[in-house]
C-alpha atoms as a PDB file:
ATOM      1  CA  MET A   1     101.172  93.272  81.395  1.00  0.00           C
ATOM      2  CA  GLN A   2     102.405  95.241  84.305  1.00  0.00           C
ATOM      3  CA  TYR A   3     100.737  93.226  87.556  1.00  0.00           C
ATOM      4  CA  TYR A   4      99.818  89.971  87.118  1.00  0.00           C
ATOM      5  CA  ILE A   5      99.018  87.448  90.279  1.00  0.00           C
ATOM      6  CA  HIS A   6      98.174  83.300  90.222  1.00  0.00           C
ATOM      7  CA  TYR A   7      97.473  81.942  93.510  1.00  0.00           C
ATOM      8  CA  THR A   8      97.294  77.986  94.881  1.00  0.00           C
ATOM      9  CA  PRO A   9      97.421  77.106  98.348  1.00  0.00           C
ATOM     10  CA  GLY A  10     100.838  77.855  99.364  1.00  0.00           C
ATOM     11  CA  ARG A  11     102.015  78.988  96.132  1.00  0.00           C
ATOM     12  CA  LEU A  12     101.741  82.857  95.097  1.00  0.00           C
ATOM     13  CA  ARG A  13     103.040  83.851  91.361  1.00  0.00           C
ATOM     14  CA  ILE A  14     103.072  87.753  90.683  1.00  0.00           C
ATOM     15  CA  GLN A  15     104.729  89.683  87.892  1.00  0.00           C
ATOM     16  CA  THR A  16     105.442  93.413  88.877  1.00  0.00           C
ATOM     17  CA  PRO A  17     107.299  96.341  87.360  1.00  0.00           C
ATOM     18  CA  ALA A  18     109.497  96.982  90.266  1.00  0.00           C
ATOM     19  CA  ILE A  19     111.816  93.783  89.549  1.00  0.00           C
ATOM     20  CA  HIS A  20     111.085  93.740  85.438  1.00  0.00           C
ATOM     21  CA  GLU A  21     114.793  94.323  84.493  1.00  0.00           C
ATOM     22  CA  LYS A  22     115.821  95.569  87.706  1.00  0.00           C
ATOM     23  CA  PRO A  23     118.403  93.407  89.158  1.00  0.00           C
ATOM     24  CA  ALA A  24     118.943  95.604  92.078  1.00  0.00           C
ATOM     25  CA  GLY A  25     115.500  95.698  93.046  1.00  0.00           C
ATOM     26  CA  ALA A  26     114.790  91.993  92.590  1.00  0.00           C
ATOM     27  CA  ARG A  27     117.825  91.061  94.972  1.00  0.00           C
ATOM     28  CA  SER A  28     115.601  93.788  97.280  1.00  0.00           C
ATOM     29  CA  PHE A  29     112.777  92.139  96.876  1.00  0.00           C
ATOM     30  CA  GLU A  30     113.568  88.636  97.312  1.00  0.00           C
ATOM     31  CA  ALA A  31     115.505  90.389 100.850  1.00  0.00           C
ATOM     32  CA  PHE A  32     111.943  92.262 101.658  1.00  0.00           C
ATOM     33  CA  VAL A  33     110.329  89.092 101.006  1.00  0.00           C
ATOM     34  CA  LYS A  34     112.514  86.613 103.174  1.00  0.00           C
ATOM     35  CA  GLY A  35     111.810  88.535 106.166  1.00  0.00           C
ATOM     36  CA  PHE A  36     108.345  87.316 106.027  1.00  0.00           C
ATOM     37  CA  ASP A  37     107.620  85.127 108.765  1.00  0.00           C
ATOM     38  CA  GLY A  38     106.373  81.740 107.006  1.00  0.00           C
ATOM     39  CA  ILE A  39     108.066  82.450 103.804  1.00  0.00           C
ATOM     40  CA  THR A  40     109.865  79.106 102.526  1.00  0.00           C
ATOM     41  CA  SER A  41     111.674  80.240  99.347  1.00  0.00           C
ATOM     42  CA  ILE A  42     111.211  82.805  96.630  1.00  0.00           C
ATOM     43  CA  GLU A  43     112.480  83.012  93.009  1.00  0.00           C
ATOM     44  CA  THR A  44     112.432  85.792  91.146  1.00  0.00           C
ATOM     45  CA  ARG A  45     112.708  86.261  86.979  1.00  0.00           C
ATOM     46  CA  VAL A  46     114.141  89.376  85.883  1.00  0.00           C
ATOM     47  CA  VAL A  47     113.399  88.907  82.713  1.00  0.00           C
ATOM     48  CA  THR A  48     109.917  88.692  83.148  1.00  0.00           C
ATOM     49  CA  GLY A  49     109.404  90.636  86.512  1.00  0.00           C
ATOM     50  CA  SER A  50     107.884  87.797  87.780  1.00  0.00           C
ATOM     51  CA  ALA A  51     108.677  86.336  91.439  1.00  0.00           C
ATOM     52  CA  THR A  52     107.183  82.806  92.616  1.00  0.00           C
ATOM     53  CA  ILE A  53     106.569  82.823  96.699  1.00  0.00           C
ATOM     54  CA  LEU A  54     106.295  79.365  98.450  1.00  0.00           C
ATOM     55  CA  PHE A  55     104.772  79.736 101.819  1.00  0.00           C
ATOM     56  CA  GLU A  56     103.296  77.915 105.009  1.00  0.00           C
ATOM     57  CA  GLU A  57      99.729  78.974 104.853  1.00  0.00           C
ATOM     58  CA  LYS A  58      99.323  78.323 108.704  1.00  0.00           C
ATOM     59  CA  LYS A  59     101.837  81.336 109.345  1.00  0.00           C
ATOM     60  CA  ILE A  60     101.062  83.857 106.482  1.00  0.00           C
ATOM     61  CA  ASN A  61      98.599  83.884 103.585  1.00  0.00           C
ATOM     62  CA  CYS A  62      98.158  84.893 100.256  1.00  0.00           C
ATOM     63  CA  GLU A  63      96.170  88.089 101.125  1.00  0.00           C
ATOM     64  CA  GLN A  64      98.600  89.314 103.899  1.00  0.00           C
ATOM     65  CA  ILE A  65     101.255  88.510 101.797  1.00  0.00           C
ATOM     66  CA  ILE A  66      99.916  91.232  98.775  1.00  0.00           C
ATOM     67  CA  GLY A  67      98.990  93.479 101.784  1.00  0.00           C
ATOM     68  CA  ILE A  68     102.401  94.074 102.493  1.00  0.00           C
ATOM     69  CA  LEU A  69     103.829  93.898  99.129  1.00  0.00           C
ATOM     70  CA  GLU A  70     100.973  96.638  98.121  1.00  0.00           C
ATOM     71  CA  LYS A  71     102.157  98.825 101.293  1.00  0.00           C
ATOM     72  CA  HIS A  72     105.449  99.103 100.004  1.00  0.00           C
ATOM     73  CA  GLY A  73     105.014 100.001  96.340  1.00  0.00           C
ATOM     74  CA  TYR A  74     106.005  96.154  95.122  1.00  0.00           C
ATOM     75  CA  PHE A  75     102.158  95.556  93.806  1.00  0.00           C
ATOM     76  CA  CYS A  76      98.960  96.972  92.769  1.00  0.00           C
ATOM     77  CA  LEU A  77      96.323  94.126  93.031  1.00  0.00           C
ATOM     78  CA  SER A  78      93.520  96.550  91.469  1.00  0.00           C
ATOM     79  CA  LYS A  79      95.811  96.755  88.168  1.00  0.00           C
ATOM     80  CA  ALA A  80      96.630  93.174  88.325  1.00  0.00           C
ATOM     81  CA  GLU A  81      95.320  90.469  85.681  1.00  0.00           C
ATOM     82  CA  THR A  82      94.791  87.123  86.946  1.00  0.00           C
ATOM     83  CA  SER A  83      95.384  83.846  84.863  1.00  0.00           C
ATOM     84  CA  ASP A  84      91.807  83.689  83.805  1.00  0.00           C
ATOM     85  CA  GLU A  85      91.437  87.162  82.337  1.00  0.00           C
ATOM     86  CA  PHE A  86      95.125  86.624  80.701  1.00  0.00           C
ATOM     87  CA  ILE A  87      93.586  83.565  79.005  1.00  0.00           C
ATOM     88  CA  GLU A  88      90.610  84.931  78.042  1.00  0.00           C
ATOM     89  CA  LYS A  89      92.077  88.089  76.562  1.00  0.00           C
ATOM     90  CA  THR A  90      94.516  85.856  74.733  1.00  0.00           C
ATOM     91  CA  THR A  91      91.923  83.186  73.768  1.00  0.00           C
ATOM     92  CA  LYS A  92      90.166  86.640  71.951  1.00  0.00           C
ATOM     93  CA  LYS A  93      93.166  87.679  70.236  1.00  0.00           C
ATOM     94  CA  VAL A  94      93.702  84.407  68.768  1.00  0.00           C
ATOM     95  CA  LEU A  95      90.568  83.853  67.501  1.00  0.00           C
ATOM     96  CA  GLU A  96      90.425  87.420  66.082  1.00  0.00           C
ATOM     97  CA  VAL A  97      93.912  86.564  64.217  1.00  0.00           C
ATOM     98  CA  ALA A  98      92.078  83.027  62.768  1.00  0.00           C
ATOM     99  CA  GLU A  99      89.112  84.842  61.528  1.00  0.00           C
ATOM    100  CA  GLN A 100      91.103  87.243  59.850  1.00  0.00           C
ATOM    101  CA  ILE A 101      92.958  84.246  58.058  1.00  0.00           C
ATOM    102  CA  ILE A 102      90.149  82.710  57.086  1.00  0.00           C
ATOM    103  CA  VAL A 103      88.657  85.809  55.587  1.00  0.00           C
ATOM    104  CA  ASP A 104      91.988  86.542  53.505  1.00  0.00           C
ATOM    105  CA  SER A 105      92.224  83.326  52.516  1.00  0.00           C
ATOM    106  CA  ALA A 106      88.518  83.193  50.981  1.00  0.00           C
ATOM    107  CA  GLY A 107      89.171  85.919  48.938  1.00  0.00           C
ATOM    108  CA  GLY A 108      87.536  88.697  51.581  1.00  0.00           C
ATOM    109  CA  GLY A 109      84.680  86.899  52.371  1.00  0.00           C
ATOM    110  CA  ILE A 110      82.469  83.816  51.619  1.00  0.00           C
ATOM    111  CA  GLY A 111      81.918  82.866  47.866  1.00  0.00           C
ATOM    112  CA  GLY A 112      85.438  84.514  47.278  1.00  0.00           C
ATOM    113  CA  GLU A 113      84.132  87.810  46.357  1.00  0.00           C
END
């Protein structure tokens, strides 16, 4: 997954290749985001390329944050996957694997043929 976004009021979690396995990129990203009025904290995880941003909604909103990040090349909303899309895709893969296990255990099909 290159880009991911999950939002709840006052909290935004994203994944971005701009910080994935890039310690210097993550530090630069953190410093950039900390400069926004209304940001209360930011935590990045270089291994996963994720950032959790806590903010005051009366001063800045999710759309503004994402807009600024996009403008500066840190994020691409059009390529982002939401948590619902991620769950749907993962569930589909799990069901496909489960179906294959059932078919294989039945000897190739119903009735063991």
